[in-house]
Amino acid sequence: MPSSIKCLKKLRMLCLEQCVIGDGLSLIGGLKKLRILSLSGSVLNSFPNELGHNLQLLDTSNCSKLGVIPPNVISCLNNLEELYMRNNLFLWEHGGKKASLAELGHLHQLTALDIQILDLDVFPKSLFFDSLDYYMITIGDFKMFLLEGFKMPDKLESMKAICCSHLTGASFRKLKTVKIKTCHQLENLFSFSLVRLLTNLNTIEVSECDALKDIVDLRRQGNTENDDGEDEIDKAEFSQLQHVTLQGLSKFIGFCSRGTLPFDERVEIPNLDMLELSSINISHIWSNLHPWSNSNFQSLIK
């Protein structure tokens, strides 16, 4: 990158996409009026220790060589509104010599986030997504396993729960799509408390999860009268859910815990119009007495 770029003091947008930048990015730190910086698909050897505090959009997606972002660089971008960092080999840390996901909690103007997490251990205990208009969080990426020197993180295959932390009322309210693949220790997707927050969920796709028994665990711990010491909620409702795909689930029993059929009266999906089931050991989808048996699906694949 030519050193003369630092003379462009009034530059507000810089797009260096699919370029070989090397170590020249340090010159950008002096562009104080820069609002938009897109480095998508470029080859970066290092990341600058400072970026203009007025930056509103940063895109480093598909920068496969970007391995390290210094700590406290992202957290200083006080005016950042959009951050795109998908398809990188960058490893987040809790602290130390690399940036941590906790830094995103300092970006109070952030409305759009697209990032990739290769290690579940670095995922923050407290969620910071409530104020975002759009976010996509990719945990692992099977396309990247083909890259030389990259090993699939063991934590992804050993994931036993999607969310273990306490959730606020606004958490996951805007979530529309859930896609889960090859999580071999995951026995169910949603707890009863999480289901109540998924008011806009439109699509569920689950495949190749060998231990998965149900989508919703209606049980909760408490002082109850049943044999297992667990209280069970009557039903789960997905008012906006339209598409459900379940594939390669060898232990799948039912949509809700302790069911005898994949779908029974304890789950309500009034707007479902596409149901795809494959490689699942079931003899019936639902009882003939269930009201769904008369529903008019736009697409049904068994």
Protein backbone atom coordinates (compact mmCIF):
# COMPACT_ATOMS: atom_id res chain seq x y z
CA MET A 1 0.00 0.00 0.00
CA PRO A 2 1.49 3.39 -0.97
CA SER A 3 2.51 5.59 1.97
CA SER A 4 0.78 8.54 0.29
CA ILE A 5 -2.59 7.18 1.42
CA LYS A 6 -2.04 8.75 4.83
CA CYS A 7 -2.31 12.14 3.14
CA LEU A 8 -6.01 11.55 2.38
CA LYS A 9 -7.09 13.17 5.64
CA LYS A 10 -10.72 13.63 4.53
CA LEU A 11 -11.20 10.11 3.19
CA ARG A 12 -14.47 8.65 4.48
CA MET A 13 -14.71 5.30 2.65
CA LEU A 14 -11.94 2.86 1.71
CA CYS A 15 -12.59 -0.48 0.01
CA LEU A 16 -9.56 -2.73 -0.46
CA GLU A 17 -11.31 -5.96 -1.41
CA GLN A 18 -9.47 -9.05 -2.69
CA CYS A 19 -6.14 -7.25 -2.49
CA VAL A 20 -2.73 -8.32 -1.23
CA ILE A 21 -2.15 -5.79 1.53
CA GLY A 22 0.49 -7.56 3.58
CA ASP A 23 1.65 -5.36 6.47
CA GLY A 24 0.62 -2.06 4.92
CA LEU A 25 -2.59 -1.67 6.88
CA SER A 26 -0.88 0.26 9.67
CA LEU A 27 -1.10 3.40 7.53
CA ILE A 28 -4.89 3.42 7.85
CA GLY A 29 -4.73 4.30 11.54
CA GLY A 30 -4.04 7.91 10.64
CA LEU A 31 -7.23 8.35 8.60
CA LYS A 32 -9.28 9.90 11.39
CA LYS A 33 -12.34 10.73 9.26
CA LEU A 34 -12.68 7.23 7.81
CA ARG A 35 -16.24 5.92 8.23
CA ILE A 36 -16.28 2.73 6.11
CA LEU A 37 -13.43 0.23 5.79
CA SER A 38 -13.93 -2.94 3.74
CA LEU A 39 -11.09 -5.44 3.47
CA SER A 40 -13.22 -8.39 2.38
CA GLY A 41 -11.26 -11.19 0.73
CA SER A 42 -7.90 -9.47 1.10
CA VAL A 43 -4.61 -10.98 2.26
CA LEU A 44 -3.57 -9.38 5.55
CA ASN A 45 -0.46 -10.32 7.49
CA SER A 46 -1.27 -8.10 10.45
CA PHE A 47 -3.96 -5.80 11.82
CA PRO A 48 -3.25 -2.20 12.89
CA ASN A 49 -3.05 -1.40 16.59
CA GLU A 50 -5.34 1.58 16.02
CA LEU A 51 -8.23 2.45 13.75
CA GLY A 52 -10.08 5.75 13.43
CA HIS A 53 -12.59 6.12 16.27
CA ASN A 54 -15.17 7.47 13.79
CA LEU A 55 -15.32 4.18 11.89
CA GLN A 56 -18.92 3.04 11.40
CA LEU A 57 -18.49 -0.10 9.24
CA LEU A 58 -15.65 -2.64 9.32
CA ASP A 59 -15.60 -5.69 7.06
CA THR A 60 -12.77 -8.24 7.35
CA SER A 61 -14.80 -11.24 6.15
CA ASN A 62 -13.04 -13.87 4.03
CA CYS A 63 -9.59 -12.67 5.09
CA SER A 64 -8.23 -16.20 5.53
CA LYS A 65 -4.71 -15.11 6.51
CA LEU A 66 -5.83 -12.83 9.32
CA GLY A 67 -4.83 -14.71 12.46
CA VAL A 68 -4.42 -12.01 15.11
CA ILE A 69 -6.25 -8.82 16.03
CA PRO A 70 -4.54 -6.94 18.88
CA PRO A 71 -6.55 -6.54 22.09
CA ASN A 72 -8.50 -3.32 22.79
CA VAL A 73 -8.59 -2.26 19.13
CA ILE A 74 -12.20 -3.24 18.47
CA SER A 75 -13.45 -2.00 21.85
CA CYS A 76 -12.21 1.53 21.00
CA LEU A 77 -14.41 1.78 17.90
CA ASN A 78 -17.09 3.66 19.81
CA ASN A 79 -19.07 4.66 16.72
CA LEU A 80 -19.01 1.29 14.98
CA GLU A 81 -22.46 0.28 13.72
CA GLU A 82 -21.68 -2.73 11.48
CA LEU A 83 -19.02 -5.42 11.97
CA TYR A 84 -18.49 -8.32 9.54
CA MET A 85 -15.78 -10.88 10.35
CA ARG A 86 -16.99 -14.21 8.98
CA ASN A 87 -14.82 -16.89 7.29
CA ASN A 88 -11.58 -15.99 9.05
CA LEU A 89 -9.11 -18.21 10.88
CA PHE A 90 -8.97 -15.58 13.60
CA LEU A 91 -9.11 -17.07 17.09
CA TRP A 92 -10.85 -15.03 19.76
CA GLU A 93 -9.43 -15.16 23.28
CA HIS A 94 -10.56 -14.28 26.78
CA GLY A 95 -7.70 -11.82 26.94
CA GLY A 96 -3.96 -11.61 26.46
CA LYS A 97 -2.41 -10.99 23.07
CA LYS A 98 -5.61 -11.31 21.00
CA ALA A 99 -8.96 -9.57 20.94
CA SER A 100 -11.78 -11.05 23.02
CA LEU A 101 -15.50 -11.25 22.29
CA ALA A 102 -16.11 -9.26 25.46
CA GLU A 103 -14.83 -6.19 23.59
CA LEU A 104 -18.00 -6.22 21.49
CA GLY A 105 -19.94 -5.33 24.60
CA HIS A 106 -18.33 -1.86 24.48
CA LEU A 107 -19.76 -1.11 21.02
CA HIS A 108 -22.98 0.57 22.10
CA GLN A 109 -23.79 1.82 18.58
CA LEU A 110 -23.51 -1.64 17.00
CA THR A 111 -26.62 -2.76 15.08
CA ALA A 112 -25.25 -5.47 12.72
CA LEU A 113 -22.82 -8.26 13.60
CA ASP A 114 -21.55 -11.22 11.55
CA ILE A 115 -18.74 -13.19 13.19
CA GLN A 116 -17.29 -16.67 13.36
CA ILE A 117 -16.32 -18.49 16.56
CA LEU A 118 -14.10 -21.54 16.34
CA ASP A 119 -13.89 -22.30 20.07
CA LEU A 120 -16.97 -22.30 22.30
CA ASP A 121 -14.84 -21.58 25.38
CA VAL A 122 -14.46 -17.95 24.32
CA PHE A 123 -18.20 -17.34 23.99
CA PRO A 124 -19.23 -14.73 26.59
CA LYS A 125 -21.39 -15.82 29.51
CA SER A 126 -23.52 -12.70 29.20
CA LEU A 127 -25.12 -12.16 25.79
CA PHE A 128 -24.82 -8.75 24.16
CA PHE A 129 -27.11 -9.22 21.14
CA ASP A 130 -30.33 -7.71 22.49
CA SER A 131 -29.89 -4.30 20.83
CA LEU A 132 -28.81 -5.63 17.41
CA ASP A 133 -31.06 -5.40 14.36
CA TYR A 134 -29.13 -8.19 12.61
CA TYR A 135 -26.61 -10.76 13.73
CA MET A 136 -25.19 -14.03 12.45
CA ILE A 137 -22.96 -16.09 14.73
CA THR A 138 -21.20 -19.00 13.04
CA ILE A 139 -19.76 -21.61 15.42
CA GLY A 140 -17.15 -23.48 13.43
CA ASP A 141 -17.30 -23.73 9.65
CA PHE A 142 -16.94 -27.01 7.84
CA LYS A 143 -15.69 -25.31 4.70
CA MET A 144 -12.67 -24.08 6.64
CA PHE A 145 -11.67 -27.56 7.78
CA LEU A 146 -10.16 -28.04 4.32
CA LEU A 147 -7.57 -25.34 4.93
CA GLU A 148 -4.06 -26.58 5.61
CA GLY A 149 -3.09 -26.63 9.26
CA PHE A 150 -6.59 -26.14 10.66
CA LYS A 151 -7.99 -28.66 13.15
CA MET A 152 -11.69 -28.89 13.93
CA PRO A 153 -12.26 -27.62 17.51
CA ASP A 154 -13.20 -30.47 19.86
CA LYS A 155 -15.59 -28.21 21.79
CA LEU A 156 -18.01 -28.03 18.88
CA GLU A 157 -18.57 -31.78 18.76
CA SER A 158 -18.90 -31.94 22.56
CA MET A 159 -21.47 -29.15 22.81
CA LYS A 160 -24.30 -30.28 25.08
CA ALA A 161 -26.44 -27.13 25.13
CA ILE A 162 -27.02 -24.10 22.92
CA CYS A 163 -27.41 -21.69 25.79
CA CYS A 164 -26.61 -22.16 29.49
CA SER A 165 -26.66 -18.57 30.75
CA HIS A 166 -29.54 -16.60 32.19
CA LEU A 167 -31.49 -14.87 29.43
CA THR A 168 -33.16 -11.49 29.54
CA GLY A 169 -36.63 -10.92 28.13
CA ALA A 170 -35.22 -9.44 24.91
CA SER A 171 -32.76 -12.27 24.18
CA PHE A 172 -33.34 -14.09 20.88
CA ARG A 173 -36.55 -12.16 20.19
CA LYS A 174 -35.36 -11.38 16.66
CA LEU A 175 -33.90 -14.81 15.92
CA LYS A 176 -35.49 -16.29 12.78
CA THR A 177 -33.30 -19.25 11.77
CA VAL A 178 -31.57 -22.02 13.71
CA LYS A 179 -29.31 -24.49 11.87
CA ILE A 180 -27.50 -27.23 13.79
CA LYS A 181 -25.22 -29.89 12.26
CA THR A 182 -22.93 -32.62 13.63
CA CYS A 183 -23.26 -31.86 17.34
CA HIS A 184 -23.02 -35.43 18.61
CA GLN A 185 -23.66 -34.79 22.31
CA LEU A 186 -26.58 -32.42 21.93
CA GLU A 187 -29.74 -34.14 23.25
CA ASN A 188 -32.20 -31.26 22.69
CA LEU A 189 -32.17 -27.76 21.22
CA PHE A 190 -34.33 -25.58 23.43
CA SER A 191 -35.20 -25.48 27.09
CA PHE A 192 -38.72 -24.47 28.10
CA SER A 193 -37.48 -21.00 29.14
CA LEU A 194 -35.80 -20.42 25.77
CA VAL A 195 -38.86 -21.44 23.74
CA ARG A 196 -40.88 -18.60 25.23
CA LEU A 197 -38.38 -16.10 23.83
CA LEU A 198 -38.35 -17.44 20.27
CA THR A 199 -41.36 -15.44 19.15
CA ASN A 200 -40.04 -14.82 15.61
CA LEU A 201 -38.42 -18.17 14.88
CA ASN A 202 -39.22 -19.14 11.28
CA THR A 203 -36.87 -22.02 10.40
CA ILE A 204 -35.36 -25.00 12.26
CA GLU A 205 -32.83 -27.26 10.50
CA VAL A 206 -31.11 -30.06 12.41
CA SER A 207 -28.97 -32.78 10.84
CA GLU A 208 -26.46 -35.48 11.80
CA CYS A 209 -26.80 -35.08 15.57
CA ASP A 210 -26.53 -38.65 16.83
CA ALA A 211 -27.66 -38.00 20.42
CA LEU A 212 -30.56 -35.67 19.71
CA LYS A 213 -33.81 -36.99 21.19
CA ASP A 214 -36.10 -33.97 21.02
CA ILE A 215 -36.22 -30.34 19.91
CA VAL A 216 -37.84 -28.93 23.05
CA ASP A 217 -37.15 -30.08 26.60
CA LEU A 218 -40.35 -29.20 28.44
CA ARG A 219 -38.91 -30.24 31.78
CA ARG A 220 -37.63 -27.84 34.41
CA GLN A 221 -36.03 -28.41 37.79
CA GLY A 222 -38.16 -27.67 40.79
CA ASN A 223 -40.27 -28.98 43.62
CA THR A 224 -42.61 -31.33 41.77
CA GLU A 225 -44.52 -34.53 42.30
CA ASN A 226 -43.26 -36.67 39.43
CA ASP A 227 -40.75 -39.49 39.86
CA ASP A 228 -37.78 -37.61 38.42
CA GLY A 229 -38.18 -34.48 40.56
CA GLU A 230 -38.84 -32.39 37.45
CA ASP A 231 -41.75 -30.18 36.55
CA GLU A 232 -43.05 -30.49 32.99
CA ILE A 233 -44.61 -27.64 31.03
CA ASP A 234 -47.89 -28.41 29.27
CA LYS A 235 -46.93 -27.34 25.76
CA ALA A 236 -44.58 -25.36 23.54
CA GLU A 237 -45.83 -22.88 20.97
CA PHE A 238 -43.98 -21.65 17.87
CA SER A 239 -46.38 -19.13 16.39
CA GLN A 240 -44.14 -18.04 13.48
CA LEU A 241 -42.40 -21.32 12.66
CA GLN A 242 -42.94 -22.33 9.01
CA HIS A 243 -40.08 -24.64 8.01
CA VAL A 244 -38.76 -27.66 9.91
CA THR A 245 -36.03 -29.97 8.57
CA LEU A 246 -34.84 -32.97 10.60
CA GLN A 247 -32.25 -35.28 9.00
CA GLY A 248 -29.99 -38.08 10.19
CA LEU A 249 -31.18 -38.12 13.82
CA SER A 250 -30.80 -41.76 14.87
CA LYS A 251 -32.18 -41.29 18.41
CA PHE A 252 -34.89 -38.76 17.65
CA ILE A 253 -38.15 -39.48 19.50
CA GLY A 254 -40.33 -36.40 19.30
CA PHE A 255 -40.50 -32.65 18.97
CA CYS A 256 -41.14 -32.37 22.72
CA SER A 257 -39.52 -34.33 25.54
CA ARG A 258 -41.12 -37.59 26.69
CA GLY A 259 -43.28 -37.83 23.63
CA THR A 260 -44.33 -41.08 21.99
CA LEU A 261 -44.79 -39.55 18.52
CA PRO A 262 -42.66 -36.96 16.69
CA PHE A 263 -45.53 -34.45 16.96
CA ASP A 264 -48.29 -34.55 19.56
CA GLU A 265 -50.73 -32.21 21.27
CA ARG A 266 -48.01 -30.63 23.42
CA VAL A 267 -46.51 -28.68 20.53
CA GLU A 268 -48.34 -25.99 18.58
CA ILE A 269 -46.98 -24.81 15.21
CA PRO A 270 -50.02 -23.19 13.59
CA ASN A 271 -48.17 -21.72 10.58
CA LEU A 272 -46.01 -24.71 9.62
CA ASP A 273 -46.09 -25.15 5.85
CA MET A 274 -42.98 -27.28 5.18
CA LEU A 275 -41.86 -30.35 7.10
CA GLU A 276 -38.90 -32.42 5.87
CA LEU A 277 -37.92 -35.64 7.66
CA SER A 278 -35.24 -38.05 6.49
CA SER A 279 -33.12 -40.82 8.04
CA ILE A 280 -35.22 -40.86 11.20
CA ASN A 281 -36.52 -44.09 12.73
CA ILE A 282 -40.26 -43.35 13.05
CA SER A 283 -43.41 -45.15 11.97
CA HIS A 284 -45.91 -42.29 12.38
CA ILE A 285 -45.55 -38.51 12.31
CA TRP A 286 -48.60 -37.82 14.50
CA SER A 287 -51.78 -39.43 15.69
CA ASN A 288 -54.87 -39.44 13.46
CA LEU A 289 -56.65 -37.74 16.33
CA HIS A 290 -54.22 -34.84 16.28
CA PRO A 291 -55.61 -31.70 14.58
CA TRP A 292 -52.50 -31.50 12.39
CA SER A 293 -53.64 -34.55 10.45
CA ASN A 294 -56.10 -32.32 8.62
CA SER A 295 -53.65 -29.48 8.03
CA ASN A 296 -52.85 -28.34 4.50
CA PHE A 297 -49.05 -28.31 4.17
CA GLN A 298 -47.52 -26.58 1.17
CA SER A 299 -44.67 -29.08 1.22
CA LEU A 300 -44.31 -32.34 3.10
CA ILE A 301 -41.39 -34.73 2.64
CA LYS A 302 -41.02 -37.85 4.75
